[in-house]
Amino acid sequence: AAKLVREQVQLDWKTILEENANYFVVQRSVDGINFSDLAVVKAAGNSARLQSYQVFDQNPLGGISYYRLKVVDFDQETSYSRIVAVSRQANLQNTLVAFPNPSRSGTELYLKLENFAGQDASLIITDAMGRLITNRTMRVPSGSSVVLIEELSQPLSAGIYVLKLVTQEGVYTQKVLIGK
């Protein structure tokens, strides 16, 4: 089993019967096809009773991570568990919401940041072509869930923009349409 716990992925597995088991290799993948070794855990060897194991991925990938176990016997024969997936994004409570969206004004655009209060963040705004409009470092105010995007060198003209909020926890993205 794999689940997100305080921004780490907790991997738990149990065995009922181990015969000639030397060790387990916990493997991780970004695509579910190409795996790399994450941790090695010594197996009980030969056991006919329930054994429980646990490993933490302290630096999980953003988005979806895929995990599997590689079981290595004393004679170096290997077998693999089924693949499990964990989505960091789906489990994060923090989201970036810009409003009004679409907006008729490029000067009054607000960010709802209720779950980021007190955090340091970078707000990056790019246009649809990926050109940088602004990159602003800020501390999200405590006790406030709505922040006006201000201090732009010029109002946002009509078009599509990508807002990115970069925090220690990850990158949060929201597209915004500014109308005429």
C-alpha atoms as a PDB file:
ATOM      1  CA  ALA A   1       0.000   0.000   0.000  1.00  0.00           C
ATOM      2  CA  ALA A   2       1.160   3.546  -0.685  1.00  0.00           C
ATOM      3  CA  LYS A   3      -0.280   6.805   0.613  1.00  0.00           C
ATOM      4  CA  LEU A   4       0.690  10.442   1.032  1.00  0.00           C
ATOM      5  CA  VAL A   5       1.451  11.388   4.654  1.00  0.00           C
ATOM      6  CA  ARG A   6       2.659  14.926   5.412  1.00  0.00           C
ATOM      7  CA  GLU A   7       4.184  15.389   1.949  1.00  0.00           C
ATOM      8  CA  GLN A   8       5.966  12.026   2.110  1.00  0.00           C
ATOM      9  CA  VAL A   9       4.831   8.789   0.515  1.00  0.00           C
ATOM     10  CA  GLN A  10       4.423   5.989   3.069  1.00  0.00           C
ATOM     11  CA  LEU A  11       4.896   2.526   1.584  1.00  0.00           C
ATOM     12  CA  ASP A  12       3.697  -0.458   3.628  1.00  0.00           C
ATOM     13  CA  TRP A  13       3.706  -4.146   2.744  1.00  0.00           C
ATOM     14  CA  LYS A  14       3.280  -7.436   4.548  1.00  0.00           C
ATOM     15  CA  THR A  15       4.317 -10.992   3.906  1.00  0.00           C
ATOM     16  CA  ILE A  16       2.706 -14.108   5.331  1.00  0.00           C
ATOM     17  CA  LEU A  17       5.248 -16.600   4.054  1.00  0.00           C
ATOM     18  CA  GLU A  18       8.860 -15.880   3.101  1.00  0.00           C
ATOM     19  CA  GLU A  19      11.022 -18.619   1.629  1.00  0.00           C
ATOM     20  CA  ASN A  20      14.637 -17.853   0.813  1.00  0.00           C
ATOM     21  CA  ALA A  21      13.894 -14.086   0.672  1.00  0.00           C
ATOM     22  CA  ASN A  22      17.061 -11.997   0.959  1.00  0.00           C
ATOM     23  CA  TYR A  23      15.873  -8.397   0.548  1.00  0.00           C
ATOM     24  CA  PHE A  24      13.310  -6.068  -1.012  1.00  0.00           C
ATOM     25  CA  VAL A  25      14.115  -3.169  -3.303  1.00  0.00           C
ATOM     26  CA  VAL A  26      11.520  -0.382  -3.313  1.00  0.00           C
ATOM     27  CA  GLN A  27      11.455   1.125  -6.789  1.00  0.00           C
ATOM     28  CA  ARG A  28       9.907   4.383  -8.032  1.00  0.00           C
ATOM     29  CA  SER A  29       8.921   5.601 -11.488  1.00  0.00           C
ATOM     30  CA  VAL A  30       7.519   8.754 -13.033  1.00  0.00           C
ATOM     31  CA  ASP A  31       5.882   6.871 -15.937  1.00  0.00           C
ATOM     32  CA  GLY A  32       5.131   3.389 -14.545  1.00  0.00           C
ATOM     33  CA  ILE A  33       7.580   1.838 -17.025  1.00  0.00           C
ATOM     34  CA  ASN A  34      11.121   2.911 -16.147  1.00  0.00           C
ATOM     35  CA  PHE A  35      11.870   2.326 -12.450  1.00  0.00           C
ATOM     36  CA  SER A  36      14.815   3.349 -10.284  1.00  0.00           C
ATOM     37  CA  ASP A  37      15.803   1.987  -6.881  1.00  0.00           C
ATOM     38  CA  LEU A  38      14.616   4.043  -3.926  1.00  0.00           C
ATOM     39  CA  ALA A  39      15.414   1.883  -0.876  1.00  0.00           C
ATOM     40  CA  VAL A  40      16.659  -1.577   0.101  1.00  0.00           C
ATOM     41  CA  VAL A  41      15.043  -3.422   3.017  1.00  0.00           C
ATOM     42  CA  LYS A  42      16.373  -6.673   4.501  1.00  0.00           C
ATOM     43  CA  ALA A  43      13.809  -9.498   4.357  1.00  0.00           C
ATOM     44  CA  ALA A  44      13.118 -11.979   7.171  1.00  0.00           C
ATOM     45  CA  GLY A  45      14.605 -14.743   5.004  1.00  0.00           C
ATOM     46  CA  ASN A  46      12.492 -17.747   5.915  1.00  0.00           C
ATOM     47  CA  SER A  47       9.363 -17.028   7.882  1.00  0.00           C
ATOM     48  CA  ALA A  48       5.921 -18.567   8.197  1.00  0.00           C
ATOM     49  CA  ARG A  49       4.458 -15.702  10.218  1.00  0.00           C
ATOM     50  CA  LEU A  50       3.210 -12.236   9.360  1.00  0.00           C
ATOM     51  CA  GLN A  51       6.018  -9.735   8.680  1.00  0.00           C
ATOM     52  CA  SER A  52       5.353  -5.994   8.259  1.00  0.00           C
ATOM     53  CA  TYR A  53       7.612  -3.555   6.416  1.00  0.00           C
ATOM     54  CA  GLN A  54       7.537   0.213   5.941  1.00  0.00           C
ATOM     55  CA  VAL A  55       9.535   2.743   3.914  1.00  0.00           C
ATOM     56  CA  PHE A  56       9.048   6.493   3.415  1.00  0.00           C
ATOM     57  CA  ASP A  57       9.786   8.312   0.165  1.00  0.00           C
ATOM     58  CA  GLN A  58      10.848  11.601   1.734  1.00  0.00           C
ATOM     59  CA  ASN A  59      11.190  13.426  -1.586  1.00  0.00           C
ATOM     60  CA  PRO A  60       8.281  12.209  -3.728  1.00  0.00           C
ATOM     61  CA  LEU A  61       7.905  13.328  -7.284  1.00  0.00           C
ATOM     62  CA  GLY A  62       5.320  15.932  -8.185  1.00  0.00           C
ATOM     63  CA  GLY A  63       2.178  14.604  -9.814  1.00  0.00           C
ATOM     64  CA  ILE A  64       1.848  10.820  -9.994  1.00  0.00           C
ATOM     65  CA  SER A  65       4.575   8.489  -8.720  1.00  0.00           C
ATOM     66  CA  TYR A  66       4.518   4.743  -9.359  1.00  0.00           C
ATOM     67  CA  TYR A  67       6.002   2.253  -6.894  1.00  0.00           C
ATOM     68  CA  ARG A  68       6.747  -1.476  -6.906  1.00  0.00           C
ATOM     69  CA  LEU A  69       8.736  -3.994  -4.890  1.00  0.00           C
ATOM     70  CA  LYS A  70      11.503  -6.083  -6.328  1.00  0.00           C
ATOM     71  CA  VAL A  71      11.950  -9.233  -4.228  1.00  0.00           C
ATOM     72  CA  VAL A  72      15.440 -10.737  -4.376  1.00  0.00           C
ATOM     73  CA  ASP A  73      16.066 -14.274  -3.103  1.00  0.00           C
ATOM     74  CA  PHE A  74      19.359 -15.586  -1.684  1.00  0.00           C
ATOM     75  CA  ASP A  75      20.018 -17.255  -5.046  1.00  0.00           C
ATOM     76  CA  GLN A  76      19.493 -13.829  -6.763  1.00  0.00           C
ATOM     77  CA  GLU A  77      16.181 -14.783  -8.397  1.00  0.00           C
ATOM     78  CA  THR A  78      13.871 -11.782  -8.575  1.00  0.00           C
ATOM     79  CA  SER A  79      10.147 -11.178  -8.711  1.00  0.00           C
ATOM     80  CA  TYR A  80       8.067  -8.005  -8.715  1.00  0.00           C
ATOM     81  CA  SER A  81       4.953  -6.845  -6.900  1.00  0.00           C
ATOM     82  CA  ARG A  82       2.056  -5.140  -8.579  1.00  0.00           C
ATOM     83  CA  ILE A  83       2.533  -1.421  -9.292  1.00  0.00           C
ATOM     84  CA  VAL A  84       0.801   1.140  -7.082  1.00  0.00           C
ATOM     85  CA  ALA A  85       0.360   4.840  -7.865  1.00  0.00           C
ATOM     86  CA  VAL A  86       0.268   7.865  -5.579  1.00  0.00           C
ATOM     87  CA  SER A  87      -0.810  11.283  -6.780  1.00  0.00           C
ATOM     88  CA  ARG A  88       0.736  14.121  -4.824  1.00  0.00           C
ATOM     89  CA  GLN A  89      -1.429  16.712  -6.525  1.00  0.00           C
ATOM     90  CA  ALA A  90      -4.678  14.906  -5.759  1.00  0.00           C
ATOM     91  CA  ASN A  91      -3.844  14.748  -2.080  1.00  0.00           C
ATOM     92  CA  LEU A  92      -2.674  18.310  -1.632  1.00  0.00           C
ATOM     93  CA  GLN A  93      -5.189  20.559   0.043  1.00  0.00           C
ATOM     94  CA  ASN A  94      -3.546  23.669  -1.344  1.00  0.00           C
ATOM     95  CA  THR A  95      -4.865  25.001  -4.616  1.00  0.00           C
ATOM     96  CA  LEU A  96      -4.367  28.214  -6.517  1.00  0.00           C
ATOM     97  CA  VAL A  97      -7.557  30.000  -7.541  1.00  0.00           C
ATOM     98  CA  ALA A  98      -7.548  33.264  -9.498  1.00  0.00           C
ATOM     99  CA  PHE A  99     -10.739  35.315  -9.908  1.00  0.00           C
ATOM    100  CA  PRO A 100     -12.607  36.749 -11.609  1.00  0.00           C
ATOM    101  CA  ASN A 101     -11.777  34.279 -14.354  1.00  0.00           C
ATOM    102  CA  PRO A 102     -12.399  35.250 -17.074  1.00  0.00           C
ATOM    103  CA  SER A 103     -11.732  38.864 -16.169  1.00  0.00           C
ATOM    104  CA  ARG A 104     -12.514  42.034 -18.090  1.00  0.00           C
ATOM    105  CA  SER A 105      -9.764  43.963 -16.362  1.00  0.00           C
ATOM    106  CA  GLY A 106      -6.068  43.273 -16.283  1.00  0.00           C
ATOM    107  CA  THR A 107      -5.602  45.307 -13.110  1.00  0.00           C
ATOM    108  CA  GLU A 108      -8.013  43.673 -10.664  1.00  0.00           C
ATOM    109  CA  LEU A 109      -7.141  40.015 -10.472  1.00  0.00           C
ATOM    110  CA  TYR A 110      -7.267  38.264  -7.108  1.00  0.00           C
ATOM    111  CA  LEU A 111      -5.694  35.081  -5.776  1.00  0.00           C
ATOM    112  CA  LYS A 112      -7.418  32.916  -3.200  1.00  0.00           C
ATOM    113  CA  LEU A 113      -4.563  31.574  -1.071  1.00  0.00           C
ATOM    114  CA  GLU A 114      -6.269  30.339   2.081  1.00  0.00           C
ATOM    115  CA  ASN A 115      -4.022  27.305   2.559  1.00  0.00           C
ATOM    116  CA  PHE A 116      -0.757  29.149   1.885  1.00  0.00           C
ATOM    117  CA  ALA A 117      -0.990  31.689   4.743  1.00  0.00           C
ATOM    118  CA  GLY A 118       2.387  32.609   6.214  1.00  0.00           C
ATOM    119  CA  GLN A 119       4.403  30.848   3.490  1.00  0.00           C
ATOM    120  CA  ASP A 120       7.079  32.338   1.262  1.00  0.00           C
ATOM    121  CA  ALA A 121       6.130  32.029  -2.392  1.00  0.00           C
ATOM    122  CA  SER A 122       7.039  33.206  -5.863  1.00  0.00           C
ATOM    123  CA  LEU A 123       4.265  34.329  -8.176  1.00  0.00           C
ATOM    124  CA  ILE A 124       5.200  33.906 -11.812  1.00  0.00           C
ATOM    125  CA  ILE A 125       2.940  35.185 -14.590  1.00  0.00           C
ATOM    126  CA  THR A 126       3.604  34.232 -18.192  1.00  0.00           C
ATOM    127  CA  ASP A 127       1.607  34.887 -21.328  1.00  0.00           C
ATOM    128  CA  ALA A 128       0.274  32.168 -23.641  1.00  0.00           C
ATOM    129  CA  MET A 129       3.594  32.129 -25.518  1.00  0.00           C
ATOM    130  CA  GLY A 130       5.529  31.512 -22.294  1.00  0.00           C
ATOM    131  CA  ARG A 131       7.005  35.042 -22.096  1.00  0.00           C
ATOM    132  CA  LEU A 132       7.609  36.220 -18.542  1.00  0.00           C
ATOM    133  CA  ILE A 133       5.292  39.036 -17.461  1.00  0.00           C
ATOM    134  CA  THR A 134       6.297  39.150 -13.805  1.00  0.00           C
ATOM    135  CA  ASN A 135       8.150  37.133 -11.202  1.00  0.00           C
ATOM    136  CA  ARG A 136       7.355  38.377  -7.731  1.00  0.00           C
ATOM    137  CA  THR A 137       8.498  36.956  -4.406  1.00  0.00           C
ATOM    138  CA  MET A 138       6.054  37.412  -1.567  1.00  0.00           C
ATOM    139  CA  ARG A 139       5.049  36.199   1.847  1.00  0.00           C
ATOM    140  CA  VAL A 140       1.409  35.161   1.835  1.00  0.00           C
ATOM    141  CA  PRO A 141      -0.302  37.174   4.559  1.00  0.00           C
ATOM    142  CA  SER A 142      -1.545  35.276   7.605  1.00  0.00           C
ATOM    143  CA  GLY A 143      -5.251  35.495   8.260  1.00  0.00           C
ATOM    144  CA  SER A 144      -6.009  36.562   4.703  1.00  0.00           C
ATOM    145  CA  SER A 145      -7.293  34.255   2.039  1.00  0.00           C
ATOM    146  CA  VAL A 146      -7.504  36.750  -0.834  1.00  0.00           C
ATOM    147  CA  VAL A 147      -4.578  38.698  -2.294  1.00  0.00           C
ATOM    148  CA  LEU A 148      -4.819  41.316  -5.040  1.00  0.00           C
ATOM    149  CA  ILE A 149      -2.249  40.830  -7.781  1.00  0.00           C
ATOM    150  CA  GLU A 150      -0.650  44.235  -7.890  1.00  0.00           C
ATOM    151  CA  GLU A 151       2.640  45.902  -8.683  1.00  0.00           C
ATOM    152  CA  LEU A 152       2.505  44.784 -12.300  1.00  0.00           C
ATOM    153  CA  SER A 153       4.546  47.080 -14.521  1.00  0.00           C
ATOM    154  CA  GLN A 154       1.495  47.362 -16.778  1.00  0.00           C
ATOM    155  CA  PRO A 155      -2.069  46.024 -16.733  1.00  0.00           C
ATOM    156  CA  LEU A 156      -2.521  42.623 -18.340  1.00  0.00           C
ATOM    157  CA  SER A 157      -3.847  43.088 -21.865  1.00  0.00           C
ATOM    158  CA  ALA A 158      -6.495  40.788 -23.364  1.00  0.00           C
ATOM    159  CA  GLY A 159      -5.256  37.217 -23.651  1.00  0.00           C
ATOM    160  CA  ILE A 160      -4.518  34.008 -21.796  1.00  0.00           C
ATOM    161  CA  TYR A 161      -2.045  33.980 -18.930  1.00  0.00           C
ATOM    162  CA  VAL A 162      -0.562  31.267 -16.746  1.00  0.00           C
ATOM    163  CA  LEU A 163      -0.168  32.020 -13.065  1.00  0.00           C
ATOM    164  CA  LYS A 164       2.282  29.841 -11.126  1.00  0.00           C
ATOM    165  CA  LEU A 165       2.673  29.937  -7.381  1.00  0.00           C
ATOM    166  CA  VAL A 166       5.919  28.259  -6.305  1.00  0.00           C
ATOM    167  CA  THR A 167       6.192  27.244  -2.640  1.00  0.00           C
ATOM    168  CA  GLN A 168       8.310  24.743  -0.719  1.00  0.00           C
ATOM    169  CA  GLU A 169       5.440  22.262  -1.113  1.00  0.00           C
ATOM    170  CA  GLY A 170       5.212  22.458  -4.885  1.00  0.00           C
ATOM    171  CA  VAL A 171       4.122  24.417  -7.934  1.00  0.00           C
ATOM    172  CA  TYR A 172       0.466  25.380  -8.350  1.00  0.00           C
ATOM    173  CA  THR A 173      -0.841  26.578 -11.701  1.00  0.00           C
ATOM    174  CA  GLN A 174      -3.949  28.417 -12.855  1.00  0.00           C
ATOM    175  CA  LYS A 175      -4.790  29.705 -16.339  1.00  0.00           C
ATOM    176  CA  VAL A 176      -6.546  33.071 -16.551  1.00  0.00           C
ATOM    177  CA  LEU A 177      -8.404  34.672 -19.434  1.00  0.00           C
ATOM    178  CA  ILE A 178      -8.353  38.465 -19.632  1.00  0.00           C
ATOM    179  CA  GLY A 179     -11.064  39.748 -21.990  1.00  0.00           C
ATOM    180  CA  LYS A 180     -11.369  43.046 -23.810  1.00  0.00           C
END
